[in-house]
Amino acid sequence: MVKEIKLNDTVIPVEKYEKTTVDGLHNIIIDFKVTSENYHDIAVLLYEGTFNVSVPEKNLSFKGSIQQYWTSVTNLYENGQIGDYHVSLLEVKN
């Protein structure tokens, strides 16, 4: 079970990890928690849209873009809240 991935230089602990291929390109789907304390940093990171993706436990690295992204409706501006994030990242062709 993969426990973390890196998007650019940010380590993200994951709760669920799935890897597939789409037209020969890497596609990973991750679920992870975001707390009110780290919400701003994660939101700014995800707005970049395209990342250097690294899955150290699988010796996998590629440049990927968000294909699908959703969050729970938890208001992460309130202290002590935790939101569920679901992100699908597809490898970008060179």
PDB file of N, CA and C in Angstrom:
ATOM      1  N   MET A   1       0.842  -1.190   0.000  1.00  0.00           N
ATOM      2  CA  MET A   1       0.000   0.000   0.000  1.00  0.00           C
ATOM      3  C   MET A   1       0.875   1.237   0.000  1.00  0.00           C
ATOM      4  N   VAL A   2       0.615   2.132  -0.918  1.00  0.00           N
ATOM      5  CA  VAL A   2       1.341   3.391  -0.993  1.00  0.00           C
ATOM      6  C   VAL A   2       0.854   4.295   0.133  1.00  0.00           C
ATOM      7  N   LYS A   3       1.793   4.865   0.871  1.00  0.00           N
ATOM      8  CA  LYS A   3       1.447   5.708   2.015  1.00  0.00           C
ATOM      9  C   LYS A   3       1.590   7.191   1.727  1.00  0.00           C
ATOM     10  N   GLU A   4       2.391   7.550   0.683  1.00  0.00           N
ATOM     11  CA  GLU A   4       2.538   8.968   0.359  1.00  0.00           C
ATOM     12  C   GLU A   4       2.993   9.138  -1.079  1.00  0.00           C
ATOM     13  N   ILE A   5       2.657  10.319  -1.614  1.00  0.00           N
ATOM     14  CA  ILE A   5       3.162  10.736  -2.917  1.00  0.00           C
ATOM     15  C   ILE A   5       3.730  12.135  -2.749  1.00  0.00           C
ATOM     16  N   LYS A   6       4.469  12.569  -3.753  1.00  0.00           N
ATOM     17  CA  LYS A   6       4.966  13.944  -3.763  1.00  0.00           C
ATOM     18  C   LYS A   6       4.425  14.644  -4.996  1.00  0.00           C
ATOM     19  N   LEU A   7       3.867  15.813  -4.788  1.00  0.00           N
ATOM     20  CA  LEU A   7       3.491  16.711  -5.882  1.00  0.00           C
ATOM     21  C   LEU A   7       4.430  17.890  -5.784  1.00  0.00           C
ATOM     22  N   ASN A   8       5.264  18.063  -6.800  1.00  0.00           N
ATOM     23  CA  ASN A   8       6.377  19.003  -6.740  1.00  0.00           C
ATOM     24  C   ASN A   8       7.194  18.653  -5.497  1.00  0.00           C
ATOM     25  N   ASP A   9       7.330  19.523  -4.550  1.00  0.00           N
ATOM     26  CA  ASP A   9       8.122  19.208  -3.358  1.00  0.00           C
ATOM     27  C   ASP A   9       7.263  18.956  -2.131  1.00  0.00           C
ATOM     28  N   THR A  10       5.954  18.807  -2.325  1.00  0.00           N
ATOM     29  CA  THR A  10       5.042  18.617  -1.200  1.00  0.00           C
ATOM     30  C   THR A  10       4.701  17.143  -1.028  1.00  0.00           C
ATOM     31  N   VAL A  11       4.969  16.613   0.157  1.00  0.00           N
ATOM     32  CA  VAL A  11       4.630  15.229   0.478  1.00  0.00           C
ATOM     33  C   VAL A  11       3.179  15.188   0.937  1.00  0.00           C
ATOM     34  N   ILE A  12       2.409  14.272   0.345  1.00  0.00           N
ATOM     35  CA  ILE A  12       1.003  14.129   0.691  1.00  0.00           C
ATOM     36  C   ILE A  12       0.755  12.696   1.168  1.00  0.00           C
ATOM     37  N   PRO A  13       0.400  12.531   2.439  1.00  0.00           N
ATOM     38  CA  PRO A  13       0.035  11.197   2.923  1.00  0.00           C
ATOM     39  C   PRO A  13      -1.292  10.783   2.276  1.00  0.00           C
ATOM     40  N   VAL A  14      -1.360   9.579   1.728  1.00  0.00           N
ATOM     41  CA  VAL A  14      -2.574   9.141   1.042  1.00  0.00           C
ATOM     42  C   VAL A  14      -3.258   8.012   1.801  1.00  0.00           C
ATOM     43  N   GLU A  15      -4.571   7.991   1.682  1.00  0.00           N
ATOM     44  CA  GLU A  15      -5.375   6.933   2.293  1.00  0.00           C
ATOM     45  C   GLU A  15      -5.732   5.860   1.275  1.00  0.00           C
ATOM     46  N   LYS A  16      -5.832   6.259   0.014  1.00  0.00           N
ATOM     47  CA  LYS A  16      -6.152   5.322  -1.059  1.00  0.00           C
ATOM     48  C   LYS A  16      -5.311   5.693  -2.264  1.00  0.00           C
ATOM     49  N   TYR A  17      -4.777   4.674  -2.938  1.00  0.00           N
ATOM     50  CA  TYR A  17      -3.922   4.875  -4.104  1.00  0.00           C
ATOM     51  C   TYR A  17      -4.282   3.822  -5.140  1.00  0.00           C
ATOM     52  N   GLU A  18      -4.466   4.265  -6.363  1.00  0.00           N
ATOM     53  CA  GLU A  18      -4.737   3.350  -7.471  1.00  0.00           C
ATOM     54  C   GLU A  18      -3.943   3.819  -8.679  1.00  0.00           C
ATOM     55  N   LYS A  19      -3.299   2.889  -9.377  1.00  0.00           N
ATOM     56  CA  LYS A  19      -2.556   3.235 -10.591  1.00  0.00           C
ATOM     57  C   LYS A  19      -3.120   2.445 -11.756  1.00  0.00           C
ATOM     58  N   THR A  20      -3.359   3.162 -12.841  1.00  0.00           N
ATOM     59  CA  THR A  20      -3.787   2.547 -14.086  1.00  0.00           C
ATOM     60  C   THR A  20      -2.979   3.172 -15.218  1.00  0.00           C
ATOM     61  N   THR A  21      -3.231   2.732 -16.426  1.00  0.00           N
ATOM     62  CA  THR A  21      -2.666   3.396 -17.597  1.00  0.00           C
ATOM     63  C   THR A  21      -3.810   3.795 -18.513  1.00  0.00           C
ATOM     64  N   VAL A  22      -3.632   4.936 -19.151  1.00  0.00           N
ATOM     65  CA  VAL A  22      -4.601   5.453 -20.115  1.00  0.00           C
ATOM     66  C   VAL A  22      -3.827   5.771 -21.379  1.00  0.00           C
ATOM     67  N   ASP A  23      -4.095   5.027 -22.437  1.00  0.00           N
ATOM     68  CA  ASP A  23      -3.372   5.208 -23.702  1.00  0.00           C
ATOM     69  C   ASP A  23      -1.858   5.160 -23.486  1.00  0.00           C
ATOM     70  N   GLY A  24      -1.416   4.254 -22.612  1.00  0.00           N
ATOM     71  CA  GLY A  24       0.006   4.082 -22.342  1.00  0.00           C
ATOM     72  C   GLY A  24       0.613   5.085 -21.383  1.00  0.00           C
ATOM     73  N   LEU A  25      -0.213   5.968 -20.817  1.00  0.00           N
ATOM     74  CA  LEU A  25       0.266   6.988 -19.882  1.00  0.00           C
ATOM     75  C   LEU A  25      -0.115   6.616 -18.452  1.00  0.00           C
ATOM     76  N   HIS A  26       0.755   6.963 -17.507  1.00  0.00           N
ATOM     77  CA  HIS A  26       0.468   6.704 -16.096  1.00  0.00           C
ATOM     78  C   HIS A  26      -0.725   7.539 -15.641  1.00  0.00           C
ATOM     79  N   ASN A  27      -1.588   6.916 -14.871  1.00  0.00           N
ATOM     80  CA  ASN A  27      -2.712   7.610 -14.258  1.00  0.00           C
ATOM     81  C   ASN A  27      -2.802   7.128 -12.818  1.00  0.00           C
ATOM     82  N   ILE A  28      -2.727   8.059 -11.872  1.00  0.00           N
ATOM     83  CA  ILE A  28      -2.904   7.662 -10.477  1.00  0.00           C
ATOM     84  C   ILE A  28      -4.105   8.406  -9.893  1.00  0.00           C
ATOM     85  N   ILE A  29      -4.787   7.701  -9.022  1.00  0.00           N
ATOM     86  CA  ILE A  29      -5.954   8.247  -8.340  1.00  0.00           C
ATOM     87  C   ILE A  29      -5.666   8.132  -6.853  1.00  0.00           C
ATOM     88  N   ILE A  30      -5.787   9.248  -6.152  1.00  0.00           N
ATOM     89  CA  ILE A  30      -5.486   9.259  -4.727  1.00  0.00           C
ATOM     90  C   ILE A  30      -6.626   9.888  -3.934  1.00  0.00           C
ATOM     91  N   ASP A  31      -6.786   9.408  -2.721  1.00  0.00           N
ATOM     92  CA  ASP A  31      -7.685  10.011  -1.741  1.00  0.00           C
ATOM     93  C   ASP A  31      -6.831  10.369  -0.537  1.00  0.00           C
ATOM     94  N   PHE A  32      -7.059  11.551   0.005  1.00  0.00           N
ATOM     95  CA  PHE A  32      -6.290  11.990   1.164  1.00  0.00           C
ATOM     96  C   PHE A  32      -7.090  12.990   1.975  1.00  0.00           C
ATOM     97  N   LYS A  33      -6.653  13.197   3.198  1.00  0.00           N
ATOM     98  CA  LYS A  33      -7.308  14.132   4.116  1.00  0.00           C
ATOM     99  C   LYS A  33      -6.578  15.469   4.088  1.00  0.00           C
ATOM    100  N   VAL A  34      -7.340  16.536   4.228  1.00  0.00           N
ATOM    101  CA  VAL A  34      -6.786  17.882   4.341  1.00  0.00           C
ATOM    102  C   VAL A  34      -7.394  18.519   5.582  1.00  0.00           C
ATOM    103  N   THR A  35      -6.534  19.025   6.439  1.00  0.00           N
ATOM    104  CA  THR A  35      -7.006  19.675   7.668  1.00  0.00           C
ATOM    105  C   THR A  35      -7.145  21.177   7.437  1.00  0.00           C
ATOM    106  N   SER A  36      -7.860  21.809   8.338  1.00  0.00           N
ATOM    107  CA  SER A  36      -8.000  23.265   8.241  1.00  0.00           C
ATOM    108  C   SER A  36      -6.638  23.941   8.354  1.00  0.00           C
ATOM    109  N   GLU A  37      -5.703  23.304   9.061  1.00  0.00           N
ATOM    110  CA  GLU A  37      -4.373  23.883   9.226  1.00  0.00           C
ATOM    111  C   GLU A  37      -3.546  23.856   7.936  1.00  0.00           C
ATOM    112  N   ASN A  38      -3.717  22.831   7.098  1.00  0.00           N
ATOM    113  CA  ASN A  38      -2.919  22.780   5.858  1.00  0.00           C
ATOM    114  C   ASN A  38      -3.742  23.050   4.601  1.00  0.00           C
ATOM    115  N   TYR A  39      -5.006  23.438   4.777  1.00  0.00           N
ATOM    116  CA  TYR A  39      -5.894  23.691   3.635  1.00  0.00           C
ATOM    117  C   TYR A  39      -5.322  24.705   2.649  1.00  0.00           C
ATOM    118  N   HIS A  40      -4.862  25.842   3.136  1.00  0.00           N
ATOM    119  CA  HIS A  40      -4.386  26.899   2.241  1.00  0.00           C
ATOM    120  C   HIS A  40      -3.223  26.399   1.379  1.00  0.00           C
ATOM    121  N   ASP A  41      -2.253  25.741   1.987  1.00  0.00           N
ATOM    122  CA  ASP A  41      -1.095  25.252   1.238  1.00  0.00           C
ATOM    123  C   ASP A  41      -1.499  24.229   0.183  1.00  0.00           C
ATOM    124  N   ILE A  42      -2.406  23.321   0.520  1.00  0.00           N
ATOM    125  CA  ILE A  42      -2.853  22.305  -0.441  1.00  0.00           C
ATOM    126  C   ILE A  42      -3.660  22.952  -1.563  1.00  0.00           C
ATOM    127  N   ALA A  43      -4.525  23.905  -1.224  1.00  0.00           N
ATOM    128  CA  ALA A  43      -5.326  24.580  -2.249  1.00  0.00           C
ATOM    129  C   ALA A  43      -4.431  25.314  -3.240  1.00  0.00           C
ATOM    130  N   VAL A  44      -3.446  26.041  -2.750  1.00  0.00           N
ATOM    131  CA  VAL A  44      -2.516  26.760  -3.632  1.00  0.00           C
ATOM    132  C   VAL A  44      -1.759  25.768  -4.512  1.00  0.00           C
ATOM    133  N   LEU A  45      -1.309  24.676  -3.933  1.00  0.00           N
ATOM    134  CA  LEU A  45      -0.593  23.656  -4.707  1.00  0.00           C
ATOM    135  C   LEU A  45      -1.474  23.097  -5.822  1.00  0.00           C
ATOM    136  N   LEU A  46      -2.694  22.683  -5.499  1.00  0.00           N
ATOM    137  CA  LEU A  46      -3.555  22.058  -6.493  1.00  0.00           C
ATOM    138  C   LEU A  46      -3.960  23.013  -7.604  1.00  0.00           C
ATOM    139  N   TYR A  47      -4.026  24.314  -7.318  1.00  0.00           N
ATOM    140  CA  TYR A  47      -4.357  25.284  -8.355  1.00  0.00           C
ATOM    141  C   TYR A  47      -3.301  25.340  -9.453  1.00  0.00           C
ATOM    142  N   GLU A  48      -2.084  24.842  -9.174  1.00  0.00           N
ATOM    143  CA  GLU A  48      -1.049  24.800 -10.205  1.00  0.00           C
ATOM    144  C   GLU A  48      -1.460  23.886 -11.352  1.00  0.00           C
ATOM    145  N   GLY A  49      -2.191  22.813 -11.056  1.00  0.00           N
ATOM    146  CA  GLY A  49      -2.756  21.958 -12.093  1.00  0.00           C
ATOM    147  C   GLY A  49      -1.835  20.892 -12.666  1.00  0.00           C
ATOM    148  N   THR A  50      -0.563  21.208 -12.863  1.00  0.00           N
ATOM    149  CA  THR A  50       0.411  20.265 -13.416  1.00  0.00           C
ATOM    150  C   THR A  50       1.592  20.184 -12.456  1.00  0.00           C
ATOM    151  N   PHE A  51       2.078  18.947 -12.235  1.00  0.00           N
ATOM    152  CA  PHE A  51       3.061  18.709 -11.181  1.00  0.00           C
ATOM    153  C   PHE A  51       4.126  17.713 -11.613  1.00  0.00           C
ATOM    154  N   ASN A  52       5.249  17.757 -10.913  1.00  0.00           N
ATOM    155  CA  ASN A  52       6.192  16.652 -10.927  1.00  0.00           C
ATOM    156  C   ASN A  52       5.649  15.683  -9.896  1.00  0.00           C
ATOM    157  N   VAL A  53       5.202  14.512 -10.356  1.00  0.00           N
ATOM    158  CA  VAL A  53       4.578  13.516  -9.495  1.00  0.00           C
ATOM    159  C   VAL A  53       5.610  12.444  -9.169  1.00  0.00           C
ATOM    160  N   SER A  54       5.707  12.100  -7.903  1.00  0.00           N
ATOM    161  CA  SER A  54       6.629  11.058  -7.482  1.00  0.00           C
ATOM    162  C   SER A  54       5.926  10.134  -6.497  1.00  0.00           C
ATOM    163  N   VAL A  55       6.073   8.833  -6.749  1.00  0.00           N
ATOM    164  CA  VAL A  55       5.561   7.813  -5.833  1.00  0.00           C
ATOM    165  C   VAL A  55       6.770   6.990  -5.415  1.00  0.00           C
ATOM    166  N   PRO A  56       7.485   7.450  -4.364  1.00  0.00           N
ATOM    167  CA  PRO A  56       8.743   6.808  -3.983  1.00  0.00           C
ATOM    168  C   PRO A  56       8.636   5.307  -3.731  1.00  0.00           C
ATOM    169  N   GLU A  57       7.546   4.860  -3.119  1.00  0.00           N
ATOM    170  CA  GLU A  57       7.385   3.443  -2.796  1.00  0.00           C
ATOM    171  C   GLU A  57       7.260   2.563  -4.036  1.00  0.00           C
ATOM    172  N   LYS A  58       6.903   3.157  -5.167  1.00  0.00           N
ATOM    173  CA  LYS A  58       6.754   2.420  -6.425  1.00  0.00           C
ATOM    174  C   LYS A  58       7.846   2.776  -7.423  1.00  0.00           C
ATOM    175  N   ASN A  59       8.800   3.625  -6.986  1.00  0.00           N
ATOM    176  CA  ASN A  59       9.869   4.075  -7.881  1.00  0.00           C
ATOM    177  C   ASN A  59       9.290   4.646  -9.185  1.00  0.00           C
ATOM    178  N   LEU A  60       8.267   5.489  -9.030  1.00  0.00           N
ATOM    179  CA  LEU A  60       7.534   6.048 -10.158  1.00  0.00           C
ATOM    180  C   LEU A  60       7.610   7.567 -10.123  1.00  0.00           C
ATOM    181  N   SER A  61       7.974   8.157 -11.246  1.00  0.00           N
ATOM    182  CA  SER A  61       8.005   9.619 -11.375  1.00  0.00           C
ATOM    183  C   SER A  61       7.533   9.998 -12.763  1.00  0.00           C
ATOM    184  N   PHE A  62       6.728  11.049 -12.838  1.00  0.00           N
ATOM    185  CA  PHE A  62       6.268  11.568 -14.129  1.00  0.00           C
ATOM    186  C   PHE A  62       5.706  12.969 -13.940  1.00  0.00           C
ATOM    187  N   LYS A  63       5.556  13.689 -15.033  1.00  0.00           N
ATOM    188  CA  LYS A  63       4.871  14.988 -15.006  1.00  0.00           C
ATOM    189  C   LYS A  63       3.407  14.684 -15.268  1.00  0.00           C
ATOM    190  N   GLY A  64       2.538  15.173 -14.373  1.00  0.00           N
ATOM    191  CA  GLY A  64       1.118  14.861 -14.497  1.00  0.00           C
ATOM    192  C   GLY A  64       0.233  16.067 -14.257  1.00  0.00           C
ATOM    193  N   SER A  65      -0.963  16.001 -14.821  1.00  0.00           N
ATOM    194  CA  SER A  65      -1.964  17.058 -14.657  1.00  0.00           C
ATOM    195  C   SER A  65      -3.225  16.492 -14.035  1.00  0.00           C
ATOM    196  N   ILE A  66      -3.922  17.332 -13.287  1.00  0.00           N
ATOM    197  CA  ILE A  66      -5.184  16.931 -12.672  1.00  0.00           C
ATOM    198  C   ILE A  66      -6.206  16.679 -13.772  1.00  0.00           C
ATOM    199  N   GLN A  67      -6.835  15.501 -13.712  1.00  0.00           N
ATOM    200  CA  GLN A  67      -7.909  15.162 -14.632  1.00  0.00           C
ATOM    201  C   GLN A  67      -9.266  15.226 -13.941  1.00  0.00           C
ATOM    202  N   GLN A  68      -9.270  14.894 -12.669  1.00  0.00           N
ATOM    203  CA  GLN A  68     -10.490  14.914 -11.876  1.00  0.00           C
ATOM    204  C   GLN A  68     -10.106  15.300 -10.455  1.00  0.00           C
ATOM    205  N   TYR A  69     -10.996  16.053  -9.808  1.00  0.00           N
ATOM    206  CA  TYR A  69     -10.670  16.557  -8.476  1.00  0.00           C
ATOM    207  C   TYR A  69     -11.969  16.895  -7.780  1.00  0.00           C
ATOM    208  N   TRP A  70     -12.153  16.378  -6.577  1.00  0.00           N
ATOM    209  CA  TRP A  70     -13.297  16.790  -5.773  1.00  0.00           C
ATOM    210  C   TRP A  70     -12.935  16.752  -4.301  1.00  0.00           C
ATOM    211  N   THR A  71     -13.723  17.493  -3.539  1.00  0.00           N
ATOM    212  CA  THR A  71     -13.528  17.533  -2.093  1.00  0.00           C
ATOM    213  C   THR A  71     -14.880  17.366  -1.411  1.00  0.00           C
ATOM    214  N   SER A  72     -14.820  17.004  -0.141  1.00  0.00           N
ATOM    215  CA  SER A  72     -16.048  16.977   0.649  1.00  0.00           C
ATOM    216  C   SER A  72     -16.480  18.417   0.907  1.00  0.00           C
ATOM    217  N   VAL A  73     -17.631  18.599   1.439  1.00  0.00           N
ATOM    218  CA  VAL A  73     -18.171  19.945   1.650  1.00  0.00           C
ATOM    219  C   VAL A  73     -17.759  20.565   2.977  1.00  0.00           C
ATOM    220  N   THR A  74     -16.852  19.913   3.687  1.00  0.00           N
ATOM    221  CA  THR A  74     -16.401  20.435   4.974  1.00  0.00           C
ATOM    222  C   THR A  74     -15.827  21.846   4.812  1.00  0.00           C
ATOM    223  N   ASN A  75     -16.213  22.761   5.698  1.00  0.00           N
ATOM    224  CA  ASN A  75     -15.688  24.126   5.663  1.00  0.00           C
ATOM    225  C   ASN A  75     -14.317  24.136   6.331  1.00  0.00           C
ATOM    226  N   LEU A  76     -13.275  24.135   5.523  1.00  0.00           N
ATOM    227  CA  LEU A  76     -11.923  24.041   6.064  1.00  0.00           C
ATOM    228  C   LEU A  76     -11.385  25.368   6.573  1.00  0.00           C
ATOM    229  N   TYR A  77     -12.194  26.415   6.520  1.00  0.00           N
ATOM    230  CA  TYR A  77     -11.784  27.675   7.139  1.00  0.00           C
ATOM    231  C   TYR A  77     -12.025  27.649   8.648  1.00  0.00           C
ATOM    232  N   GLU A  78     -12.826  26.696   9.119  1.00  0.00           N
ATOM    233  CA  GLU A  78     -13.081  26.560  10.546  1.00  0.00           C
ATOM    234  C   GLU A  78     -12.015  25.669  11.162  1.00  0.00           C
ATOM    235  N   ASN A  79     -11.415  26.104  12.251  1.00  0.00           N
ATOM    236  CA  ASN A  79     -10.378  25.319  12.928  1.00  0.00           C
ATOM    237  C   ASN A  79     -10.881  23.927  13.296  1.00  0.00           C
ATOM    238  N   GLY A  80      -9.982  22.958  13.176  1.00  0.00           N
ATOM    239  CA  GLY A  80     -10.285  21.597  13.582  1.00  0.00           C
ATOM    240  C   GLY A  80     -11.044  20.767  12.568  1.00  0.00           C
ATOM    241  N   GLN A  81     -11.309  21.301  11.382  1.00  0.00           N
ATOM    242  CA  GLN A  81     -12.049  20.562  10.365  1.00  0.00           C
ATOM    243  C   GLN A  81     -11.112  19.714   9.510  1.00  0.00           C
ATOM    244  N   ILE A  82     -11.656  18.625   8.961  1.00  0.00           N
ATOM    245  CA  ILE A  82     -10.894  17.750   8.065  1.00  0.00           C
ATOM    246  C   ILE A  82     -11.752  17.455   6.847  1.00  0.00           C
ATOM    247  N   GLY A  83     -11.163  17.659   5.660  1.00  0.00           N
ATOM    248  CA  GLY A  83     -11.872  17.395   4.414  1.00  0.00           C
ATOM    249  C   GLY A  83     -11.288  16.202   3.686  1.00  0.00           C
ATOM    250  N   ASP A  84     -12.128  15.549   2.900  1.00  0.00           N
ATOM    251  CA  ASP A  84     -11.703  14.444   2.053  1.00  0.00           C
ATOM    252  C   ASP A  84     -11.436  14.970   0.652  1.00  0.00           C
ATOM    253  N   TYR A  85     -10.271  14.639   0.098  1.00  0.00           N
ATOM    254  CA  TYR A  85      -9.899  15.054  -1.247  1.00  0.00           C
ATOM    255  C   TYR A  85      -9.724  13.822  -2.117  1.00  0.00           C
ATOM    256  N   HIS A  86     -10.133  13.921  -3.374  1.00  0.00           N
ATOM    257  CA  HIS A  86      -9.990  12.860  -4.364  1.00  0.00           C
ATOM    258  C   HIS A  86      -9.387  13.516  -5.607  1.00  0.00           C
ATOM    259  N   VAL A  87      -8.243  13.014  -6.050  1.00  0.00           N
ATOM    260  CA  VAL A  87      -7.545  13.623  -7.186  1.00  0.00           C
ATOM    261  C   VAL A  87      -7.072  12.528  -8.134  1.00  0.00           C
ATOM    262  N   SER A  88      -7.306  12.735  -9.423  1.00  0.00           N
ATOM    263  CA  SER A  88      -6.806  11.860 -10.473  1.00  0.00           C
ATOM    264  C   SER A  88      -5.771  12.640 -11.270  1.00  0.00           C
ATOM    265  N   LEU A  89      -4.570  12.061 -11.404  1.00  0.00           N
ATOM    266  CA  LEU A  89      -3.469  12.701 -12.109  1.00  0.00           C
ATOM    267  C   LEU A  89      -3.052  11.852 -13.295  1.00  0.00           C
ATOM    268  N   LEU A  90      -3.045  12.461 -14.483  1.00  0.00           N
ATOM    269  CA  LEU A  90      -2.667  11.755 -15.710  1.00  0.00           C
ATOM    270  C   LEU A  90      -1.352  12.294 -16.231  1.00  0.00           C
ATOM    271  N   GLU A  91      -0.462  11.390 -16.615  1.00  0.00           N
ATOM    272  CA  GLU A  91       0.827  11.763 -17.168  1.00  0.00           C
ATOM    273  C   GLU A  91       0.651  12.660 -18.395  1.00  0.00           C
ATOM    274  N   VAL A  92       1.482  13.678 -18.482  1.00  0.00           N
ATOM    275  CA  VAL A  92       1.466  14.610 -19.612  1.00  0.00           C
ATOM    276  C   VAL A  92       2.439  14.093 -20.655  1.00  0.00           C
ATOM    277  N   LYS A  93       1.996  14.001 -21.905  1.00  0.00           N
ATOM    278  CA  LYS A  93       2.894  13.596 -22.987  1.00  0.00           C
ATOM    279  C   LYS A  93       3.950  14.676 -23.201  1.00  0.00           C
ATOM    280  N   ASN A  94       5.165  14.242 -23.479  1.00  0.00           N
ATOM    281  CA  ASN A  94       6.247  15.202 -23.753  1.00  0.00           C
ATOM    282  C   ASN A  94       6.136  15.772 -25.137  1.00  0.00           C
TER     283      ASN A  94
END
